[in-house]
Amino acid sequence: MRLTRSQFILLVQQAYRQLPPQVRRALRNVDVVVEDQPSRQDMSDLRLEGTLFGLYHGVPLTQREGGGPTLPDRIAIYRLPILASCSTPAEVVRQVRITLWHEVGHYLGLGEDDLRRLGYG
């Protein structure tokens, strides 16, 4: 599947706007970025050899202590792995949404089992 970077970013923005309002309000000090692919360091740190569509970098809300200033948390959505795994525009839209919502779930403190049960695993 081929989409320009700009077209892909628009899909991520669309998926973000589809988050429930209460979830969007909970997202504070979080950058959502589109990157072509995960870094080798991220893959190594995660001990992953498969495909990674997105990654949350930060401390989940449920594990935070104190209220001091912190650097923004970061959600990266990886364009090339998503495009490589999809054969239609509809599949890309679906995978972007699932990936974004999955990483937002991590920010909110949900684990992999929780996300699977919700259909975002």
PDB file of N, CA and C in Angstrom:
ATOM      1  N   MET A   1       0.851  -1.180   0.000  1.00  0.00           N
ATOM      2  CA  MET A   1       0.000   0.000   0.000  1.00  0.00           C
ATOM      3  C   MET A   1       0.893   1.238   0.000  1.00  0.00           C
ATOM      4  N   ARG A   2       0.509   2.217  -0.772  1.00  0.00           N
ATOM      5  CA  ARG A   2       1.305   3.448  -0.848  1.00  0.00           C
ATOM      6  C   ARG A   2       0.454   4.639  -0.438  1.00  0.00           C
ATOM      7  N   LEU A   3       0.989   5.401   0.484  1.00  0.00           N
ATOM      8  CA  LEU A   3       0.410   6.677   0.883  1.00  0.00           C
ATOM      9  C   LEU A   3       1.567   7.624   1.143  1.00  0.00           C
ATOM     10  N   THR A   4       1.378   8.882   0.823  1.00  0.00           N
ATOM     11  CA  THR A   4       2.424   9.841   1.147  1.00  0.00           C
ATOM     12  C   THR A   4       2.461  10.038   2.658  1.00  0.00           C
ATOM     13  N   ARG A   5       3.539  10.595   3.114  1.00  0.00           N
ATOM     14  CA  ARG A   5       3.665  10.901   4.543  1.00  0.00           C
ATOM     15  C   ARG A   5       2.530  11.826   4.990  1.00  0.00           C
ATOM     16  N   SER A   6       2.221  12.830   4.188  1.00  0.00           N
ATOM     17  CA  SER A   6       1.141  13.770   4.523  1.00  0.00           C
ATOM     18  C   SER A   6      -0.205  13.071   4.612  1.00  0.00           C
ATOM     19  N   GLN A   7      -0.491  12.179   3.675  1.00  0.00           N
ATOM     20  CA  GLN A   7      -1.745  11.428   3.715  1.00  0.00           C
ATOM     21  C   GLN A   7      -1.820  10.554   4.965  1.00  0.00           C
ATOM     22  N   PHE A   8      -0.700   9.942   5.308  1.00  0.00           N
ATOM     23  CA  PHE A   8      -0.661   9.079   6.490  1.00  0.00           C
ATOM     24  C   PHE A   8      -0.883   9.906   7.762  1.00  0.00           C
ATOM     25  N   ILE A   9      -0.250  11.058   7.840  1.00  0.00           N
ATOM     26  CA  ILE A   9      -0.422  11.928   9.001  1.00  0.00           C
ATOM     27  C   ILE A   9      -1.897  12.317   9.154  1.00  0.00           C
ATOM     28  N   LEU A  10      -2.561  12.579   8.057  1.00  0.00           N
ATOM     29  CA  LEU A  10      -3.986  12.909   8.118  1.00  0.00           C
ATOM     30  C   LEU A  10      -4.796  11.750   8.704  1.00  0.00           C
ATOM     31  N   LEU A  11      -4.425  10.524   8.375  1.00  0.00           N
ATOM     32  CA  LEU A  11      -5.119   9.360   8.941  1.00  0.00           C
ATOM     33  C   LEU A  11      -4.900   9.262  10.450  1.00  0.00           C
ATOM     34  N   VAL A  12      -3.692   9.572  10.897  1.00  0.00           N
ATOM     35  CA  VAL A  12      -3.405   9.560  12.332  1.00  0.00           C
ATOM     36  C   VAL A  12      -4.213  10.655  13.022  1.00  0.00           C
ATOM     37  N   GLN A  13      -4.279  11.831  12.418  1.00  0.00           N
ATOM     38  CA  GLN A  13      -5.070  12.920  12.995  1.00  0.00           C
ATOM     39  C   GLN A  13      -6.551  12.541  13.064  1.00  0.00           C
ATOM     40  N   GLN A  14      -7.030  11.881  12.031  1.00  0.00           N
ATOM     41  CA  GLN A  14      -8.427  11.437  12.002  1.00  0.00           C
ATOM     42  C   GLN A  14      -8.675  10.418  13.130  1.00  0.00           C
ATOM     43  N   ALA A  15      -7.766   9.481  13.302  1.00  0.00           N
ATOM     44  CA  ALA A  15      -7.910   8.481  14.369  1.00  0.00           C
ATOM     45  C   ALA A  15      -7.886   9.152  15.734  1.00  0.00           C
ATOM     46  N   TYR A  16      -7.056  10.171  15.891  1.00  0.00           N
ATOM     47  CA  TYR A  16      -6.986  10.904  17.154  1.00  0.00           C
ATOM     48  C   TYR A  16      -8.320  11.597  17.445  1.00  0.00           C
ATOM     49  N   ARG A  17      -8.897  12.212  16.436  1.00  0.00           N
ATOM     50  CA  ARG A  17     -10.185  12.900  16.617  1.00  0.00           C
ATOM     51  C   ARG A  17     -11.307  11.927  16.957  1.00  0.00           C
ATOM     52  N   GLN A  18     -11.147  10.658  16.602  1.00  0.00           N
ATOM     53  CA  GLN A  18     -12.169   9.644  16.890  1.00  0.00           C
ATOM     54  C   GLN A  18     -12.067   9.084  18.308  1.00  0.00           C
ATOM     55  N   LEU A  19     -10.993   9.432  19.017  1.00  0.00           N
ATOM     56  CA  LEU A  19     -10.905   9.008  20.417  1.00  0.00           C
ATOM     57  C   LEU A  19     -12.087   9.602  21.180  1.00  0.00           C
ATOM     58  N   PRO A  20     -12.626   8.865  22.153  1.00  0.00           N
ATOM     59  CA  PRO A  20     -13.707   9.432  22.959  1.00  0.00           C
ATOM     60  C   PRO A  20     -13.237  10.726  23.631  1.00  0.00           C
ATOM     61  N   PRO A  21     -14.132  11.718  23.760  1.00  0.00           N
ATOM     62  CA  PRO A  21     -13.745  13.014  24.340  1.00  0.00           C
ATOM     63  C   PRO A  21     -13.069  12.885  25.705  1.00  0.00           C
ATOM     64  N   GLN A  22     -13.535  11.986  26.555  1.00  0.00           N
ATOM     65  CA  GLN A  22     -12.927  11.851  27.880  1.00  0.00           C
ATOM     66  C   GLN A  22     -11.495  11.323  27.782  1.00  0.00           C
ATOM     67  N   VAL A  23     -11.210  10.533  26.781  1.00  0.00           N
ATOM     68  CA  VAL A  23      -9.847  10.034  26.582  1.00  0.00           C
ATOM     69  C   VAL A  23      -8.966  11.170  26.063  1.00  0.00           C
ATOM     70  N   ARG A  24      -9.465  11.930  25.098  1.00  0.00           N
ATOM     71  CA  ARG A  24      -8.679  13.066  24.584  1.00  0.00           C
ATOM     72  C   ARG A  24      -8.365  14.058  25.695  1.00  0.00           C
ATOM     73  N   ARG A  25      -9.326  14.289  26.590  1.00  0.00           N
ATOM     74  CA  ARG A  25      -9.081  15.209  27.710  1.00  0.00           C
ATOM     75  C   ARG A  25      -8.019  14.662  28.655  1.00  0.00           C
ATOM     76  N   ALA A  26      -7.907  13.352  28.769  1.00  0.00           N
ATOM     77  CA  ALA A  26      -6.922  12.735  29.665  1.00  0.00           C
ATOM     78  C   ALA A  26      -5.503  12.808  29.095  1.00  0.00           C
ATOM     79  N   LEU A  27      -5.376  13.025  27.795  1.00  0.00           N
ATOM     80  CA  LEU A  27      -4.066  13.071  27.152  1.00  0.00           C
ATOM     81  C   LEU A  27      -3.450  14.446  27.377  1.00  0.00           C
ATOM     82  N   ARG A  28      -2.578  14.519  28.352  1.00  0.00           N
ATOM     83  CA  ARG A  28      -1.900  15.774  28.665  1.00  0.00           C
ATOM     84  C   ARG A  28      -0.395  15.573  28.522  1.00  0.00           C
ATOM     85  N   ASN A  29       0.219  16.526  27.874  1.00  0.00           N
ATOM     86  CA  ASN A  29       1.668  16.489  27.722  1.00  0.00           C
ATOM     87  C   ASN A  29       2.111  15.224  26.976  1.00  0.00           C
ATOM     88  N   VAL A  30       1.391  14.918  25.885  1.00  0.00           N
ATOM     89  CA  VAL A  30       1.698  13.746  25.052  1.00  0.00           C
ATOM     90  C   VAL A  30       1.857  14.217  23.613  1.00  0.00           C
ATOM     91  N   ASP A  31       2.981  13.889  23.017  1.00  0.00           N
ATOM     92  CA  ASP A  31       3.195  14.149  21.594  1.00  0.00           C
ATOM     93  C   ASP A  31       2.870  12.883  20.817  1.00  0.00           C
ATOM     94  N   VAL A  32       2.079  13.023  19.763  1.00  0.00           N
ATOM     95  CA  VAL A  32       1.827  11.908  18.849  1.00  0.00           C
ATOM     96  C   VAL A  32       2.582  12.234  17.574  1.00  0.00           C
ATOM     97  N   VAL A  33       3.497  11.348  17.202  1.00  0.00           N
ATOM     98  CA  VAL A  33       4.347  11.590  16.041  1.00  0.00           C
ATOM     99  C   VAL A  33       4.262  10.419  15.067  1.00  0.00           C
ATOM    100  N   VAL A  34       4.503  10.735  13.811  1.00  0.00           N
ATOM    101  CA  VAL A  34       4.600   9.702  12.776  1.00  0.00           C
ATOM    102  C   VAL A  34       6.069   9.569  12.413  1.00  0.00           C
ATOM    103  N   GLU A  35       6.562   8.345  12.478  1.00  0.00           N
ATOM    104  CA  GLU A  35       7.930   8.042  12.062  1.00  0.00           C
ATOM    105  C   GLU A  35       7.858   6.942  11.017  1.00  0.00           C
ATOM    106  N   ASP A  36       8.870   6.873  10.178  1.00  0.00           N
ATOM    107  CA  ASP A  36       8.850   5.839   9.143  1.00  0.00           C
ATOM    108  C   ASP A  36       8.903   4.441   9.736  1.00  0.00           C
ATOM    109  N   GLN A  37       9.785   4.249  10.709  1.00  0.00           N
ATOM    110  CA  GLN A  37       9.911   2.920  11.322  1.00  0.00           C
ATOM    111  C   GLN A  37      10.584   3.050  12.677  1.00  0.00           C
ATOM    112  N   PRO A  38      10.452   2.015  13.493  1.00  0.00           N
ATOM    113  CA  PRO A  38      11.103   2.074  14.815  1.00  0.00           C
ATOM    114  C   PRO A  38      12.622   2.044  14.667  1.00  0.00           C
ATOM    115  N   SER A  39      13.276   2.623  15.652  1.00  0.00           N
ATOM    116  CA  SER A  39      14.739   2.598  15.637  1.00  0.00           C
ATOM    117  C   SER A  39      15.234   1.202  16.010  1.00  0.00           C
ATOM    118  N   ARG A  40      16.456   0.922  15.632  1.00  0.00           N
ATOM    119  CA  ARG A  40      17.072  -0.350  16.032  1.00  0.00           C
ATOM    120  C   ARG A  40      17.146  -0.451  17.546  1.00  0.00           C
ATOM    121  N   GLN A  41      17.413   0.697  18.187  1.00  0.00           N
ATOM    122  CA  GLN A  41      17.504   0.724  19.648  1.00  0.00           C
ATOM    123  C   GLN A  41      16.176   0.335  20.287  1.00  0.00           C
ATOM    124  N   ASP A  42      15.069   0.885  19.778  1.00  0.00           N
ATOM    125  CA  ASP A  42      13.752   0.525  20.317  1.00  0.00           C
ATOM    126  C   ASP A  42      13.475  -0.958  20.120  1.00  0.00           C
ATOM    127  N   MET A  43      13.782  -1.471  18.959  1.00  0.00           N
ATOM    128  CA  MET A  43      13.553  -2.898  18.700  1.00  0.00           C
ATOM    129  C   MET A  43      14.418  -3.750  19.626  1.00  0.00           C
ATOM    130  N   SER A  44      15.651  -3.336  19.837  1.00  0.00           N
ATOM    131  CA  SER A  44      16.550  -4.059  20.723  1.00  0.00           C
ATOM    132  C   SER A  44      16.070  -3.983  22.167  1.00  0.00           C
ATOM    133  N   ASP A  45      15.685  -2.773  22.601  1.00  0.00           N
ATOM    134  CA  ASP A  45      15.206  -2.605  23.979  1.00  0.00           C
ATOM    135  C   ASP A  45      13.975  -3.461  24.249  1.00  0.00           C
ATOM    136  N   LEU A  46      13.121  -3.594  23.256  1.00  0.00           N
ATOM    137  CA  LEU A  46      11.893  -4.378  23.410  1.00  0.00           C
ATOM    138  C   LEU A  46      12.100  -5.860  23.136  1.00  0.00           C
ATOM    139  N   ARG A  47      13.304  -6.184  22.654  1.00  0.00           N
ATOM    140  CA  ARG A  47      13.631  -7.567  22.271  1.00  0.00           C
ATOM    141  C   ARG A  47      12.626  -8.108  21.240  1.00  0.00           C
ATOM    142  N   LEU A  48      12.324  -7.249  20.278  1.00  0.00           N
ATOM    143  CA  LEU A  48      11.375  -7.607  19.233  1.00  0.00           C
ATOM    144  C   LEU A  48      12.098  -7.946  17.944  1.00  0.00           C
ATOM    145  N   GLU A  49      11.606  -8.957  17.286  1.00  0.00           N
ATOM    146  CA  GLU A  49      12.132  -9.304  15.970  1.00  0.00           C
ATOM    147  C   GLU A  49      11.044  -9.191  14.919  1.00  0.00           C
ATOM    148  N   GLY A  50       9.803  -8.980  15.343  1.00  0.00           N
ATOM    149  CA  GLY A  50       8.679  -8.898  14.420  1.00  0.00           C
ATOM    150  C   GLY A  50       8.418  -7.478  13.974  1.00  0.00           C
ATOM    151  N   THR A  51       7.167  -7.216  13.712  1.00  0.00           N
ATOM    152  CA  THR A  51       6.738  -5.924  13.212  1.00  0.00           C
ATOM    153  C   THR A  51       6.178  -5.091  14.354  1.00  0.00           C
ATOM    154  N   LEU A  52       6.546  -3.832  14.377  1.00  0.00           N
ATOM    155  CA  LEU A  52       6.070  -2.909  15.392  1.00  0.00           C
ATOM    156  C   LEU A  52       5.372  -1.750  14.683  1.00  0.00           C
ATOM    157  N   PHE A  53       4.090  -1.531  15.019  1.00  0.00           N
ATOM    158  CA  PHE A  53       3.300  -0.485  14.382  1.00  0.00           C
ATOM    159  C   PHE A  53       3.314   0.817  15.162  1.00  0.00           C
ATOM    160  N   GLY A  54       3.568   0.753  16.459  1.00  0.00           N
ATOM    161  CA  GLY A  54       3.563   1.957  17.278  1.00  0.00           C
ATOM    162  C   GLY A  54       4.248   1.685  18.592  1.00  0.00           C
ATOM    163  N   LEU A  55       4.585   2.764  19.302  1.00  0.00           N
ATOM    164  CA  LEU A  55       5.272   2.606  20.582  1.00  0.00           C
ATOM    165  C   LEU A  55       4.980   3.804  21.471  1.00  0.00           C
ATOM    166  N   TYR A  56       4.635   3.501  22.716  1.00  0.00           N
ATOM    167  CA  TYR A  56       4.438   4.545  23.722  1.00  0.00           C
ATOM    168  C   TYR A  56       5.722   4.685  24.520  1.00  0.00           C
ATOM    169  N   HIS A  57       6.226   5.907  24.606  1.00  0.00           N
ATOM    170  CA  HIS A  57       7.403   6.231  25.403  1.00  0.00           C
ATOM    171  C   HIS A  57       6.940   7.127  26.541  1.00  0.00           C
ATOM    172  N   GLY A  58       7.067   6.661  27.761  1.00  0.00           N
ATOM    173  CA  GLY A  58       6.688   7.504  28.882  1.00  0.00           C
ATOM    174  C   GLY A  58       6.316   6.674  30.097  1.00  0.00           C
ATOM    175  N   VAL A  59       5.746   7.346  31.064  1.00  0.00           N
ATOM    176  CA  VAL A  59       5.296   6.715  32.290  1.00  0.00           C
ATOM    177  C   VAL A  59       3.769   6.729  32.282  1.00  0.00           C
ATOM    178  N   PRO A  60       3.124   5.558  32.302  1.00  0.00           N
ATOM    179  CA  PRO A  60       1.663   5.523  32.287  1.00  0.00           C
ATOM    180  C   PRO A  60       1.067   6.327  33.447  1.00  0.00           C
ATOM    181  N   LEU A  61      -0.095   6.885  33.214  1.00  0.00           N
ATOM    182  CA  LEU A  61      -0.754   7.697  34.236  1.00  0.00           C
ATOM    183  C   LEU A  61      -0.890   6.956  35.559  1.00  0.00           C
ATOM    184  N   THR A  62      -1.143   5.662  35.495  1.00  0.00           N
ATOM    185  CA  THR A  62      -1.362   4.874  36.710  1.00  0.00           C
ATOM    186  C   THR A  62      -0.094   4.650  37.520  1.00  0.00           C
ATOM    187  N   GLN A  63       1.071   4.991  36.963  1.00  0.00           N
ATOM    188  CA  GLN A  63       2.338   4.763  37.660  1.00  0.00           C
ATOM    189  C   GLN A  63       3.053   6.056  38.037  1.00  0.00           C
ATOM    190  N   ARG A  64       2.410   7.175  37.837  1.00  0.00           N
ATOM    191  CA  ARG A  64       3.061   8.452  38.094  1.00  0.00           C
ATOM    192  C   ARG A  64       2.988   8.826  39.562  1.00  0.00           C
ATOM    193  N   GLU A  65       4.051   9.468  39.997  1.00  0.00           N
ATOM    194  CA  GLU A  65       4.113   9.977  41.367  1.00  0.00           C
ATOM    195  C   GLU A  65       4.459  11.447  41.311  1.00  0.00           C
ATOM    196  N   GLY A  66       3.862  12.223  42.178  1.00  0.00           N
ATOM    197  CA  GLY A  66       4.178  13.654  42.223  1.00  0.00           C
ATOM    198  C   GLY A  66       3.614  14.386  41.037  1.00  0.00           C
ATOM    199  N   GLY A  67       3.688  15.670  41.072  1.00  0.00           N
ATOM    200  CA  GLY A  67       3.116  16.465  39.995  1.00  0.00           C
ATOM    201  C   GLY A  67       4.090  17.420  39.371  1.00  0.00           C
ATOM    202  N   GLY A  68       5.373  17.145  39.524  1.00  0.00           N
ATOM    203  CA  GLY A  68       6.379  18.042  38.970  1.00  0.00           C
ATOM    204  C   GLY A  68       6.385  18.016  37.459  1.00  0.00           C
ATOM    205  N   PRO A  69       7.026  19.021  36.881  1.00  0.00           N
ATOM    206  CA  PRO A  69       7.091  19.084  35.422  1.00  0.00           C
ATOM    207  C   PRO A  69       7.912  17.921  34.856  1.00  0.00           C
ATOM    208  N   THR A  70       7.452  17.414  33.732  1.00  0.00           N
ATOM    209  CA  THR A  70       8.140  16.318  33.062  1.00  0.00           C
ATOM    210  C   THR A  70       8.201  16.613  31.568  1.00  0.00           C
ATOM    211  N   LEU A  71       9.085  15.920  30.902  1.00  0.00           N
ATOM    212  CA  LEU A  71       9.109  15.991  29.443  1.00  0.00           C
ATOM    213  C   LEU A  71       7.836  15.348  28.915  1.00  0.00           C
ATOM    214  N   PRO A  72       7.409  15.728  27.717  1.00  0.00           N
ATOM    215  CA  PRO A  72       6.196  15.102  27.177  1.00  0.00           C
ATOM    216  C   PRO A  72       6.390  13.609  26.957  1.00  0.00           C
ATOM    217  N   ASP A  73       5.332  12.848  27.220  1.00  0.00           N
ATOM    218  CA  ASP A  73       5.309  11.465  26.787  1.00  0.00           C
ATOM    219  C   ASP A  73       5.191  11.489  25.269  1.00  0.00           C
ATOM    220  N   ARG A  74       5.440  10.343  24.665  1.00  0.00           N
ATOM    221  CA  ARG A  74       5.478  10.316  23.201  1.00  0.00           C
ATOM    222  C   ARG A  74       4.844   9.031  22.699  1.00  0.00           C
ATOM    223  N   ILE A  75       3.980   9.179  21.723  1.00  0.00           N
ATOM    224  CA  ILE A  75       3.404   8.031  21.021  1.00  0.00           C
ATOM    225  C   ILE A  75       3.894   8.125  19.580  1.00  0.00           C
ATOM    226  N   ALA A  76       4.623   7.106  19.157  1.00  0.00           N
ATOM    227  CA  ALA A  76       5.110   7.051  17.780  1.00  0.00           C
ATOM    228  C   ALA A  76       4.265   6.047  17.003  1.00  0.00           C
ATOM    229  N   ILE A  77       3.819   6.466  15.833  1.00  0.00           N
ATOM    230  CA  ILE A  77       3.095   5.591  14.914  1.00  0.00           C
ATOM    231  C   ILE A  77       4.025   5.371  13.727  1.00  0.00           C
ATOM    232  N   TYR A  78       4.294   4.109  13.407  1.00  0.00           N
ATOM    233  CA  TYR A  78       5.288   3.776  12.394  1.00  0.00           C
ATOM    234  C   TYR A  78       4.628   3.518  11.038  1.00  0.00           C
ATOM    235  N   ARG A  79       4.871   4.425  10.131  1.00  0.00           N
ATOM    236  CA  ARG A  79       4.214   4.445   8.827  1.00  0.00           C
ATOM    237  C   ARG A  79       4.550   3.240   7.948  1.00  0.00           C
ATOM    238  N   LEU A  80       5.826   2.967   7.748  1.00  0.00           N
ATOM    239  CA  LEU A  80       6.210   1.922   6.783  1.00  0.00           C
ATOM    240  C   LEU A  80       5.744   0.524   7.180  1.00  0.00           C
ATOM    241  N   PRO A  81       5.881   0.107   8.448  1.00  0.00           N
ATOM    242  CA  PRO A  81       5.362  -1.222   8.807  1.00  0.00           C
ATOM    243  C   PRO A  81       3.842  -1.335   8.618  1.00  0.00           C
ATOM    244  N   ILE A  82       3.117  -0.262   8.930  1.00  0.00           N
ATOM    245  CA  ILE A  82       1.662  -0.312   8.733  1.00  0.00           C
ATOM    246  C   ILE A  82       1.343  -0.428   7.251  1.00  0.00           C
ATOM    247  N   LEU A  83       1.971   0.399   6.433  1.00  0.00           N
ATOM    248  CA  LEU A  83       1.700   0.340   4.994  1.00  0.00           C
ATOM    249  C   LEU A  83       2.088  -1.007   4.399  1.00  0.00           C
ATOM    250  N   ALA A  84       3.179  -1.590   4.872  1.00  0.00           N
ATOM    251  CA  ALA A  84       3.621  -2.883   4.347  1.00  0.00           C
ATOM    252  C   ALA A  84       2.657  -4.007   4.716  1.00  0.00           C
ATOM    253  N   SER A  85       1.942  -3.851   5.810  1.00  0.00           N
ATOM    254  CA  SER A  85       1.053  -4.926   6.264  1.00  0.00           C
ATOM    255  C   SER A  85      -0.363  -4.800   5.706  1.00  0.00           C
ATOM    256  N   CYS A  86      -0.658  -3.715   5.030  1.00  0.00           N
ATOM    257  CA  CYS A  86      -2.013  -3.458   4.547  1.00  0.00           C
ATOM    258  C   CYS A  86      -2.047  -3.459   3.022  1.00  0.00           C
ATOM    259  N   SER A  87      -3.154  -3.952   2.479  1.00  0.00           N
ATOM    260  CA  SER A  87      -3.258  -3.975   1.016  1.00  0.00           C
ATOM    261  C   SER A  87      -4.329  -3.032   0.483  1.00  0.00           C
ATOM    262  N   THR A  88      -5.130  -2.449   1.367  1.00  0.00           N
ATOM    263  CA  THR A  88      -6.158  -1.506   0.920  1.00  0.00           C
ATOM    264  C   THR A  88      -6.139  -0.265   1.815  1.00  0.00           C
ATOM    265  N   PRO A  89      -6.657   0.845   1.288  1.00  0.00           N
ATOM    266  CA  PRO A  89      -6.755   2.039   2.132  1.00  0.00           C
ATOM    267  C   PRO A  89      -7.587   1.796   3.394  1.00  0.00           C
ATOM    268  N   ALA A  90      -8.639   1.022   3.290  1.00  0.00           N
ATOM    269  CA  ALA A  90      -9.481   0.735   4.460  1.00  0.00           C
ATOM    270  C   ALA A  90      -8.693  -0.008   5.537  1.00  0.00           C
ATOM    271  N   GLU A  91      -7.826  -0.917   5.130  1.00  0.00           N
ATOM    272  CA  GLU A  91      -6.987  -1.637   6.099  1.00  0.00           C
ATOM    273  C   GLU A  91      -6.029  -0.676   6.793  1.00  0.00           C
ATOM    274  N   VAL A  92      -5.481   0.277   6.048  1.00  0.00           N
ATOM    275  CA  VAL A  92      -4.567   1.257   6.642  1.00  0.00           C
ATOM    276  C   VAL A  92      -5.314   2.083   7.685  1.00  0.00           C
ATOM    277  N   VAL A  93      -6.489   2.569   7.340  1.00  0.00           N
ATOM    278  CA  VAL A  93      -7.290   3.361   8.273  1.00  0.00           C
ATOM    279  C   VAL A  93      -7.545   2.565   9.537  1.00  0.00           C
ATOM    280  N   ARG A  94      -7.940   1.314   9.385  1.00  0.00           N
ATOM    281  CA  ARG A  94      -8.232   0.458  10.543  1.00  0.00           C
ATOM    282  C   ARG A  94      -6.983   0.246  11.391  1.00  0.00           C
ATOM    283  N   GLN A  95      -5.852  -0.063  10.762  1.00  0.00           N
ATOM    284  CA  GLN A  95      -4.630  -0.349  11.518  1.00  0.00           C
ATOM    285  C   GLN A  95      -4.099   0.895  12.214  1.00  0.00           C
ATOM    286  N   VAL A  96      -4.189   2.048  11.577  1.00  0.00           N
ATOM    287  CA  VAL A  96      -3.762   3.293  12.224  1.00  0.00           C
ATOM    288  C   VAL A  96      -4.606   3.525  13.474  1.00  0.00           C
ATOM    289  N   ARG A  97      -5.904   3.355  13.355  1.00  0.00           N
ATOM    290  CA  ARG A  97      -6.804   3.564  14.498  1.00  0.00           C
ATOM    291  C   ARG A  97      -6.477   2.596  15.630  1.00  0.00           C
ATOM    292  N   ILE A  98      -6.346   1.326  15.305  1.00  0.00           N
ATOM    293  CA  ILE A  98      -6.036   0.322  16.330  1.00  0.00           C
ATOM    294  C   ILE A  98      -4.697   0.643  16.989  1.00  0.00           C
ATOM    295  N   THR A  99      -3.705   1.006  16.188  1.00  0.00           N
ATOM    296  CA  THR A  99      -2.370   1.280  16.730  1.00  0.00           C
ATOM    297  C   THR A  99      -2.392   2.499  17.641  1.00  0.00           C
ATOM    298  N   LEU A 100      -3.001   3.577  17.201  1.00  0.00           N
ATOM    299  CA  LEU A 100      -3.073   4.774  18.032  1.00  0.00           C
ATOM    300  C   LEU A 100      -3.812   4.481  19.336  1.00  0.00           C
ATOM    301  N   TRP A 101      -4.957   3.845  19.236  1.00  0.00           N
ATOM    302  CA  TRP A 101      -5.750   3.560  20.432  1.00  0.00           C
ATOM    303  C   TRP A 101      -4.998   2.610  21.368  1.00  0.00           C
ATOM    304  N   HIS A 102      -4.241   1.676  20.805  1.00  0.00           N
ATOM    305  CA  HIS A 102      -3.429   0.750  21.602  1.00  0.00           C
ATOM    306  C   HIS A 102      -2.401   1.533  22.417  1.00  0.00           C
ATOM    307  N   GLU A 103      -1.688   2.432  21.767  1.00  0.00           N
ATOM    308  CA  GLU A 103      -0.643   3.193  22.462  1.00  0.00           C
ATOM    309  C   GLU A 103      -1.244   4.177  23.461  1.00  0.00           C
ATOM    310  N   VAL A 104      -2.383   4.762  23.143  1.00  0.00           N
ATOM    311  CA  VAL A 104      -3.080   5.613  24.116  1.00  0.00           C
ATOM    312  C   VAL A 104      -3.470   4.776  25.331  1.00  0.00           C
ATOM    313  N   GLY A 105      -3.875   3.541  25.098  1.00  0.00           N
ATOM    314  CA  GLY A 105      -4.198   2.635  26.204  1.00  0.00           C
ATOM    315  C   GLY A 105      -3.011   2.442  27.130  1.00  0.00           C
ATOM    316  N   HIS A 106      -1.821   2.289  26.569  1.00  0.00           N
ATOM    317  CA  HIS A 106      -0.620   2.172  27.408  1.00  0.00           C
ATOM    318  C   HIS A 106      -0.405   3.437  28.228  1.00  0.00           C
ATOM    319  N   TYR A 107      -0.601   4.590  27.620  1.00  0.00           N
ATOM    320  CA  TYR A 107      -0.482   5.861  28.342  1.00  0.00           C
ATOM    321  C   TYR A 107      -1.448   5.879  29.531  1.00  0.00           C
ATOM    322  N   LEU A 108      -2.649   5.364  29.325  1.00  0.00           N
ATOM    323  CA  LEU A 108      -3.660   5.350  30.387  1.00  0.00           C
ATOM    324  C   LEU A 108      -3.403   4.267  31.431  1.00  0.00           C
ATOM    325  N   GLY A 109      -2.436   3.382  31.163  1.00  0.00           N
ATOM    326  CA  GLY A 109      -2.079   2.362  32.138  1.00  0.00           C
ATOM    327  C   GLY A 109      -2.588   0.970  31.824  1.00  0.00           C
ATOM    328  N   LEU A 110      -3.146   0.759  30.644  1.00  0.00           N
ATOM    329  CA  LEU A 110      -3.630  -0.565  30.275  1.00  0.00           C
ATOM    330  C   LEU A 110      -2.476  -1.448  29.810  1.00  0.00           C
ATOM    331  N   GLY A 111      -2.543  -2.707  30.178  1.00  0.00           N
ATOM    332  CA  GLY A 111      -1.544  -3.681  29.752  1.00  0.00           C
ATOM    333  C   GLY A 111      -1.978  -4.383  28.472  1.00  0.00           C
ATOM    334  N   GLU A 112      -1.099  -5.218  27.955  1.00  0.00           N
ATOM    335  CA  GLU A 112      -1.380  -5.938  26.706  1.00  0.00           C
ATOM    336  C   GLU A 112      -2.639  -6.795  26.809  1.00  0.00           C
ATOM    337  N   ASP A 113      -2.835  -7.493  27.926  1.00  0.00           N
ATOM    338  CA  ASP A 113      -4.032  -8.327  28.080  1.00  0.00           C
ATOM    339  C   ASP A 113      -5.297  -7.469  28.051  1.00  0.00           C
ATOM    340  N   ASP A 114      -5.260  -6.331  28.732  1.00  0.00           N
ATOM    341  CA  ASP A 114      -6.418  -5.427  28.737  1.00  0.00           C
ATOM    342  C   ASP A 114      -6.727  -4.962  27.312  1.00  0.00           C
ATOM    343  N   LEU A 115      -5.696  -4.589  26.598  1.00  0.00           N
ATOM    344  CA  LEU A 115      -5.879  -4.075  25.239  1.00  0.00           C
ATOM    345  C   LEU A 115      -6.405  -5.152  24.298  1.00  0.00           C
ATOM    346  N   ARG A 116      -5.936  -6.383  24.462  1.00  0.00           N
ATOM    347  CA  ARG A 116      -6.449  -7.494  23.645  1.00  0.00           C
ATOM    348  C   ARG A 116      -7.948  -7.698  23.892  1.00  0.00           C
ATOM    349  N   ARG A 117      -8.330  -7.676  25.187  1.00  0.00           N
ATOM    350  CA  ARG A 117      -9.740  -7.855  25.533  1.00  0.00           C
ATOM    351  C   ARG A 117     -10.612  -6.754  24.925  1.00  0.00           C
ATOM    352  N   LEU A 118     -10.068  -5.560  24.791  1.00  0.00           N
ATOM    353  CA  LEU A 118     -10.817  -4.438  24.219  1.00  0.00           C
ATOM    354  C   LEU A 118     -10.776  -4.410  22.690  1.00  0.00           C
ATOM    355  N   GLY A 119     -10.012  -5.320  22.082  1.00  0.00           N
ATOM    356  CA  GLY A 119      -9.915  -5.371  20.634  1.00  0.00           C
ATOM    357  C   GLY A 119      -8.827  -4.509  20.040  1.00  0.00           C
ATOM    358  N   TYR A 120      -7.903  -4.056  20.888  1.00  0.00           N
ATOM    359  CA  TYR A 120      -6.788  -3.218  20.431  1.00  0.00           C
ATOM    360  C   TYR A 120      -5.440  -3.878  20.662  1.00  0.00           C
ATOM    361  N   GLY A 121      -5.412  -5.188  20.704  1.00  0.00           N
ATOM    362  CA  GLY A 121      -4.197  -5.918  21.010  1.00  0.00           C
ATOM    363  C   GLY A 121      -3.382  -6.284  19.828  1.00  0.00           C
TER     364      GLY A 121
END
